[in-house]
Amino acid sequence: YGHIPIAGSGDADSSTTVTLFDFFYFQECLDNGGTGVDSGPGCVWADGDGDGDVDFHDFGMFQRVFTGSE
């Protein structure tokens, strides 16, 4: 990709839009995470509330930025 995703942005590929591509990777982070489970450096962009995990609170934030343009 060439760009490091911004923490909590929901934008996995740093394309400036949150699309189905990003949802695919968000879902992987959510599947391997959960409340209180360290999201790790590969999913920091999906941690919308910055609490160190990827859970349904983050999914709500992801939904608000999702554009559906892809």
PDB file of N, CA and C in Angstrom:
ATOM      1  N   TYR A   1       0.805  -1.205   0.000  1.00  0.00           N
ATOM      2  CA  TYR A   1       0.000   0.000   0.000  1.00  0.00           C
ATOM      3  C   TYR A   1       0.845   1.264   0.000  1.00  0.00           C
ATOM      4  N   GLY A   2       1.937   1.254   0.737  1.00  0.00           N
ATOM      5  CA  GLY A   2       2.794   2.420   0.743  1.00  0.00           C
ATOM      6  C   GLY A   2       2.458   3.444   1.799  1.00  0.00           C
ATOM      7  N   HIS A   3       1.322   3.323   2.467  1.00  0.00           N
ATOM      8  CA  HIS A   3       0.934   4.274   3.503  1.00  0.00           C
ATOM      9  C   HIS A   3       0.560   3.515   4.767  1.00  0.00           C
ATOM     10  N   ILE A   4       0.901   4.068   5.896  1.00  0.00           N
ATOM     11  CA  ILE A   4       0.503   3.478   7.162  1.00  0.00           C
ATOM     12  C   ILE A   4      -0.883   4.021   7.496  1.00  0.00           C
ATOM     13  N   PRO A   5      -1.865   3.132   7.742  1.00  0.00           N
ATOM     14  CA  PRO A   5      -3.210   3.610   8.070  1.00  0.00           C
ATOM     15  C   PRO A   5      -3.217   4.417   9.361  1.00  0.00           C
ATOM     16  N   ILE A   6      -4.071   5.403   9.411  1.00  0.00           N
ATOM     17  CA  ILE A   6      -4.203   6.256  10.586  1.00  0.00           C
ATOM     18  C   ILE A   6      -4.961   5.494  11.669  1.00  0.00           C
ATOM     19  N   ALA A   7      -4.436   5.501  12.872  1.00  0.00           N
ATOM     20  CA  ALA A   7      -5.064   4.800  13.997  1.00  0.00           C
ATOM     21  C   ALA A   7      -6.510   5.247  14.171  1.00  0.00           C
ATOM     22  N   GLY A   8      -7.403   4.268  14.257  1.00  0.00           N
ATOM     23  CA  GLY A   8      -8.810   4.543  14.501  1.00  0.00           C
ATOM     24  C   GLY A   8      -9.599   5.084  13.332  1.00  0.00           C
ATOM     25  N   SER A   9      -8.992   5.155  12.159  1.00  0.00           N
ATOM     26  CA  SER A   9      -9.658   5.780  11.013  1.00  0.00           C
ATOM     27  C   SER A   9     -10.674   4.880  10.324  1.00  0.00           C
ATOM     28  N   GLY A  10     -10.519   3.565  10.449  1.00  0.00           N
ATOM     29  CA  GLY A  10     -11.370   2.637   9.712  1.00  0.00           C
ATOM     30  C   GLY A  10     -10.947   2.475   8.263  1.00  0.00           C
ATOM     31  N   ASP A  11      -9.883   3.148   7.878  1.00  0.00           N
ATOM     32  CA  ASP A  11      -9.414   3.163   6.491  1.00  0.00           C
ATOM     33  C   ASP A  11      -8.138   2.315   6.372  1.00  0.00           C
ATOM     34  N   ALA A  12      -8.296   1.022   6.121  1.00  0.00           N
ATOM     35  CA  ALA A  12      -7.168   0.084   6.109  1.00  0.00           C
ATOM     36  C   ALA A  12      -6.141   0.382   5.040  1.00  0.00           C
ATOM     37  N   ASP A  13      -6.588   0.877   3.892  1.00  0.00           N
ATOM     38  CA  ASP A  13      -5.665   1.087   2.770  1.00  0.00           C
ATOM     39  C   ASP A  13      -5.283   2.548   2.563  1.00  0.00           C
ATOM     40  N   SER A  14      -5.631   3.418   3.493  1.00  0.00           N
ATOM     41  CA  SER A  14      -5.290   4.846   3.427  1.00  0.00           C
ATOM     42  C   SER A  14      -5.750   5.504   2.129  1.00  0.00           C
ATOM     43  N   SER A  15      -6.920   5.084   1.643  1.00  0.00           N
ATOM     44  CA  SER A  15      -7.446   5.643   0.394  1.00  0.00           C
ATOM     45  C   SER A  15      -8.275   6.895   0.618  1.00  0.00           C
ATOM     46  N   THR A  16      -8.449   7.316   1.835  1.00  0.00           N
ATOM     47  CA  THR A  16      -9.262   8.452   2.288  1.00  0.00           C
ATOM     48  C   THR A  16     -10.760   8.191   2.242  1.00  0.00           C
ATOM     49  N   THR A  17     -11.172   6.998   1.831  1.00  0.00           N
ATOM     50  CA  THR A  17     -12.575   6.603   1.913  1.00  0.00           C
ATOM     51  C   THR A  17     -12.652   5.229   2.573  1.00  0.00           C
ATOM     52  N   VAL A  18     -13.715   4.998   3.311  1.00  0.00           N
ATOM     53  CA  VAL A  18     -13.919   3.721   3.985  1.00  0.00           C
ATOM     54  C   VAL A  18     -14.942   2.947   3.171  1.00  0.00           C
ATOM     55  N   THR A  19     -14.480   1.856   2.567  1.00  0.00           N
ATOM     56  CA  THR A  19     -15.289   1.111   1.600  1.00  0.00           C
ATOM     57  C   THR A  19     -15.381  -0.368   1.990  1.00  0.00           C
ATOM     58  N   LEU A  20     -15.950  -1.171   1.101  1.00  0.00           N
ATOM     59  CA  LEU A  20     -16.052  -2.610   1.340  1.00  0.00           C
ATOM     60  C   LEU A  20     -14.686  -3.263   1.500  1.00  0.00           C
ATOM     61  N   PHE A  21     -13.693  -2.749   0.825  1.00  0.00           N
ATOM     62  CA  PHE A  21     -12.327  -3.259   0.985  1.00  0.00           C
ATOM     63  C   PHE A  21     -11.906  -3.155   2.446  1.00  0.00           C
ATOM     64  N   ASP A  22     -12.157  -1.990   3.042  1.00  0.00           N
ATOM     65  CA  ASP A  22     -11.799  -1.771   4.440  1.00  0.00           C
ATOM     66  C   ASP A  22     -12.648  -2.649   5.360  1.00  0.00           C
ATOM     67  N   PHE A  23     -13.914  -2.836   5.008  1.00  0.00           N
ATOM     68  CA  PHE A  23     -14.788  -3.688   5.817  1.00  0.00           C
ATOM     69  C   PHE A  23     -14.260  -5.110   5.879  1.00  0.00           C
ATOM     70  N   PHE A  24     -13.753  -5.617   4.773  1.00  0.00           N
ATOM     71  CA  PHE A  24     -13.192  -6.969   4.745  1.00  0.00           C
ATOM     72  C   PHE A  24     -12.109  -7.122   5.806  1.00  0.00           C
ATOM     73  N   TYR A  25     -11.203  -6.163   5.884  1.00  0.00           N
ATOM     74  CA  TYR A  25     -10.116  -6.226   6.861  1.00  0.00           C
ATOM     75  C   TYR A  25     -10.604  -5.890   8.271  1.00  0.00           C
ATOM     76  N   PHE A  26     -11.594  -5.002   8.376  1.00  0.00           N
ATOM     77  CA  PHE A  26     -12.162  -4.720   9.690  1.00  0.00           C
ATOM     78  C   PHE A  26     -12.776  -5.985  10.284  1.00  0.00           C
ATOM     79  N   GLN A  27     -13.471  -6.730   9.448  1.00  0.00           N
ATOM     80  CA  GLN A  27     -14.105  -7.967   9.891  1.00  0.00           C
ATOM     81  C   GLN A  27     -13.057  -8.963  10.401  1.00  0.00           C
ATOM     82  N   GLU A  28     -11.919  -9.051   9.741  1.00  0.00           N
ATOM     83  CA  GLU A  28     -10.839  -9.922  10.216  1.00  0.00           C
ATOM     84  C   GLU A  28     -10.349  -9.491  11.594  1.00  0.00           C
ATOM     85  N   CYS A  29     -10.192  -8.190  11.784  1.00  0.00           N
ATOM     86  CA  CYS A  29      -9.742  -7.688  13.084  1.00  0.00           C
ATOM     87  C   CYS A  29     -10.784  -7.972  14.158  1.00  0.00           C
ATOM     88  N   LEU A  30     -12.048  -7.820  13.812  1.00  0.00           N
ATOM     89  CA  LEU A  30     -13.123  -8.085  14.764  1.00  0.00           C
ATOM     90  C   LEU A  30     -13.199  -9.576  15.090  1.00  0.00           C
ATOM     91  N   ASP A  31     -13.049 -10.419  14.081  1.00  0.00           N
ATOM     92  CA  ASP A  31     -13.093 -11.869  14.298  1.00  0.00           C
ATOM     93  C   ASP A  31     -11.973 -12.346  15.211  1.00  0.00           C
ATOM     94  N   ASN A  32     -10.815 -11.713  15.120  1.00  0.00           N
ATOM     95  CA  ASN A  32      -9.660 -12.121  15.914  1.00  0.00           C
ATOM     96  C   ASN A  32      -9.511 -11.305  17.195  1.00  0.00           C
ATOM     97  N   GLY A  33     -10.470 -10.444  17.467  1.00  0.00           N
ATOM     98  CA  GLY A  33     -10.379  -9.576  18.629  1.00  0.00           C
ATOM     99  C   GLY A  33     -11.565  -9.749  19.547  1.00  0.00           C
ATOM    100  N   GLY A  34     -12.021  -8.649  20.045  1.00  0.00           N
ATOM    101  CA  GLY A  34     -13.131  -8.628  20.978  1.00  0.00           C
ATOM    102  C   GLY A  34     -12.781  -7.752  22.161  1.00  0.00           C
ATOM    103  N   THR A  35     -13.751  -7.519  23.014  1.00  0.00           N
ATOM    104  CA  THR A  35     -13.554  -6.662  24.168  1.00  0.00           C
ATOM    105  C   THR A  35     -12.427  -7.204  25.049  1.00  0.00           C
ATOM    106  N   GLY A  36     -11.444  -6.362  25.296  1.00  0.00           N
ATOM    107  CA  GLY A  36     -10.331  -6.726  26.155  1.00  0.00           C
ATOM    108  C   GLY A  36      -9.226  -7.524  25.487  1.00  0.00           C
ATOM    109  N   VAL A  37      -9.372  -7.847  24.200  1.00  0.00           N
ATOM    110  CA  VAL A  37      -8.341  -8.592  23.470  1.00  0.00           C
ATOM    111  C   VAL A  37      -7.488  -7.595  22.690  1.00  0.00           C
ATOM    112  N   ASP A  38      -6.187  -7.578  22.938  1.00  0.00           N
ATOM    113  CA  ASP A  38      -5.278  -6.644  22.268  1.00  0.00           C
ATOM    114  C   ASP A  38      -5.415  -6.763  20.761  1.00  0.00           C
ATOM    115  N   SER A  39      -5.683  -5.651  20.094  1.00  0.00           N
ATOM    116  CA  SER A  39      -5.875  -5.663  18.645  1.00  0.00           C
ATOM    117  C   SER A  39      -4.574  -5.852  17.888  1.00  0.00           C
ATOM    118  N   GLY A  40      -3.464  -5.532  18.500  1.00  0.00           N
ATOM    119  CA  GLY A  40      -2.169  -5.675  17.838  1.00  0.00           C
ATOM    120  C   GLY A  40      -1.931  -4.568  16.838  1.00  0.00           C
ATOM    121  N   PRO A  41      -0.699  -4.455  16.368  1.00  0.00           N
ATOM    122  CA  PRO A  41      -0.346  -3.346  15.478  1.00  0.00           C
ATOM    123  C   PRO A  41      -1.032  -3.403  14.115  1.00  0.00           C
ATOM    124  N   GLY A  42      -1.420  -4.587  13.658  1.00  0.00           N
ATOM    125  CA  GLY A  42      -2.048  -4.704  12.348  1.00  0.00           C
ATOM    126  C   GLY A  42      -3.484  -4.241  12.302  1.00  0.00           C
ATOM    127  N   CYS A  43      -4.090  -4.036  13.465  1.00  0.00           N
ATOM    128  CA  CYS A  43      -5.498  -3.628  13.510  1.00  0.00           C
ATOM    129  C   CYS A  43      -5.708  -2.296  14.224  1.00  0.00           C
ATOM    130  N   VAL A  44      -4.653  -1.570  14.480  1.00  0.00           N
ATOM    131  CA  VAL A  44      -4.787  -0.305  15.197  1.00  0.00           C
ATOM    132  C   VAL A  44      -5.681   0.679  14.424  1.00  0.00           C
ATOM    133  N   TRP A  45      -5.703   0.618  13.125  1.00  0.00           N
ATOM    134  CA  TRP A  45      -6.543   1.489  12.303  1.00  0.00           C
ATOM    135  C   TRP A  45      -8.031   1.192  12.525  1.00  0.00           C
ATOM    136  N   ALA A  46      -8.365  -0.029  12.983  1.00  0.00           N
ATOM    137  CA  ALA A  46      -9.754  -0.429  13.200  1.00  0.00           C
ATOM    138  C   ALA A  46     -10.233  -0.132  14.616  1.00  0.00           C
ATOM    139  N   ASP A  47      -9.339   0.280  15.490  1.00  0.00           N
ATOM    140  CA  ASP A  47      -9.675   0.567  16.885  1.00  0.00           C
ATOM    141  C   ASP A  47     -10.174   1.997  16.997  1.00  0.00           C
ATOM    142  N   GLY A  48     -11.426   2.205  16.662  1.00  0.00           N
ATOM    143  CA  GLY A  48     -11.999   3.557  16.585  1.00  0.00           C
ATOM    144  C   GLY A  48     -12.038   4.313  17.892  1.00  0.00           C
ATOM    145  N   ASP A  49     -12.171   3.625  19.021  1.00  0.00           N
ATOM    146  CA  ASP A  49     -12.229   4.324  20.299  1.00  0.00           C
ATOM    147  C   ASP A  49     -10.892   4.331  21.037  1.00  0.00           C
ATOM    148  N   GLY A  50      -9.862   3.746  20.425  1.00  0.00           N
ATOM    149  CA  GLY A  50      -8.510   3.814  20.957  1.00  0.00           C
ATOM    150  C   GLY A  50      -8.286   3.093  22.274  1.00  0.00           C
ATOM    151  N   ASP A  51      -9.095   2.064  22.565  1.00  0.00           N
ATOM    152  CA  ASP A  51      -8.934   1.362  23.833  1.00  0.00           C
ATOM    153  C   ASP A  51      -8.095   0.093  23.729  1.00  0.00           C
ATOM    154  N   GLY A  52      -7.477  -0.142  22.568  1.00  0.00           N
ATOM    155  CA  GLY A  52      -6.560  -1.260  22.413  1.00  0.00           C
ATOM    156  C   GLY A  52      -7.182  -2.557  21.939  1.00  0.00           C
ATOM    157  N   ASP A  53      -8.508  -2.561  21.718  1.00  0.00           N
ATOM    158  CA  ASP A  53      -9.162  -3.752  21.186  1.00  0.00           C
ATOM    159  C   ASP A  53     -10.098  -3.372  20.045  1.00  0.00           C
ATOM    160  N   VAL A  54     -10.499  -4.361  19.256  1.00  0.00           N
ATOM    161  CA  VAL A  54     -11.475  -4.132  18.181  1.00  0.00           C
ATOM    162  C   VAL A  54     -12.717  -4.923  18.565  1.00  0.00           C
ATOM    163  N   ASP A  55     -13.799  -4.183  18.858  1.00  0.00           N
ATOM    164  CA  ASP A  55     -15.035  -4.807  19.302  1.00  0.00           C
ATOM    165  C   ASP A  55     -16.224  -4.077  18.681  1.00  0.00           C
ATOM    166  N   PHE A  56     -17.424  -4.351  19.185  1.00  0.00           N
ATOM    167  CA  PHE A  56     -18.613  -3.772  18.565  1.00  0.00           C
ATOM    168  C   PHE A  56     -18.741  -2.266  18.788  1.00  0.00           C
ATOM    169  N   HIS A  57     -18.057  -1.721  19.773  1.00  0.00           N
ATOM    170  CA  HIS A  57     -18.009  -0.258  19.909  1.00  0.00           C
ATOM    171  C   HIS A  57     -17.297   0.333  18.688  1.00  0.00           C
ATOM    172  N   ASP A  58     -16.221  -0.331  18.292  1.00  0.00           N
ATOM    173  CA  ASP A  58     -15.473   0.120  17.109  1.00  0.00           C
ATOM    174  C   ASP A  58     -16.284  -0.092  15.838  1.00  0.00           C
ATOM    175  N   PHE A  59     -17.070  -1.167  15.798  1.00  0.00           N
ATOM    176  CA  PHE A  59     -17.908  -1.415  14.627  1.00  0.00           C
ATOM    177  C   PHE A  59     -18.924  -0.294  14.440  1.00  0.00           C
ATOM    178  N   GLY A  60     -19.488   0.189  15.527  1.00  0.00           N
ATOM    179  CA  GLY A  60     -20.411   1.324  15.440  1.00  0.00           C
ATOM    180  C   GLY A  60     -19.735   2.544  14.844  1.00  0.00           C
ATOM    181  N   MET A  61     -18.493   2.793  15.253  1.00  0.00           N
ATOM    182  CA  MET A  61     -17.737   3.917  14.698  1.00  0.00           C
ATOM    183  C   MET A  61     -17.437   3.678  13.226  1.00  0.00           C
ATOM    184  N   PHE A  62     -17.098   2.432  12.892  1.00  0.00           N
ATOM    185  CA  PHE A  62     -16.819   2.089  11.500  1.00  0.00           C
ATOM    186  C   PHE A  62     -18.057   2.346  10.641  1.00  0.00           C
ATOM    187  N   GLN A  63     -19.223   1.969  11.132  1.00  0.00           N
ATOM    188  CA  GLN A  63     -20.462   2.177  10.385  1.00  0.00           C
ATOM    189  C   GLN A  63     -20.691   3.651  10.076  1.00  0.00           C
ATOM    190  N   ARG A  64     -20.342   4.516  10.995  1.00  0.00           N
ATOM    191  CA  ARG A  64     -20.565   5.948  10.776  1.00  0.00           C
ATOM    192  C   ARG A  64     -19.660   6.532   9.697  1.00  0.00           C
ATOM    193  N   VAL A  65     -18.489   5.925   9.465  1.00  0.00           N
ATOM    194  CA  VAL A  65     -17.589   6.460   8.429  1.00  0.00           C
ATOM    195  C   VAL A  65     -17.646   5.686   7.120  1.00  0.00           C
ATOM    196  N   PHE A  66     -18.375   4.574   7.124  1.00  0.00           N
ATOM    197  CA  PHE A  66     -18.470   3.743   5.926  1.00  0.00           C
ATOM    198  C   PHE A  66     -19.221   4.478   4.820  1.00  0.00           C
ATOM    199  N   THR A  67     -18.621   4.518   3.626  1.00  0.00           N
ATOM    200  CA  THR A  67     -19.233   5.248   2.519  1.00  0.00           C
ATOM    201  C   THR A  67     -20.034   4.353   1.588  1.00  0.00           C
ATOM    202  N   GLY A  68     -19.685   3.059   1.536  1.00  0.00           N
ATOM    203  CA  GLY A  68     -20.375   2.164   0.634  1.00  0.00           C
ATOM    204  C   GLY A  68     -20.113   2.460  -0.835  1.00  0.00           C
ATOM    205  N   SER A  69     -19.010   3.140  -1.119  1.00  0.00           N
ATOM    206  CA  SER A  69     -18.747   3.556  -2.497  1.00  0.00           C
ATOM    207  C   SER A  69     -17.952   2.544  -3.301  1.00  0.00           C
ATOM    208  N   GLU A  70     -17.748   1.342  -2.750  1.00  0.00           N
ATOM    209  CA  GLU A  70     -17.000   0.338  -3.524  1.00  0.00           C
ATOM    210  C   GLU A  70     -17.778  -0.945  -3.588  1.00  0.00           C
TER     211      GLU A  70
END
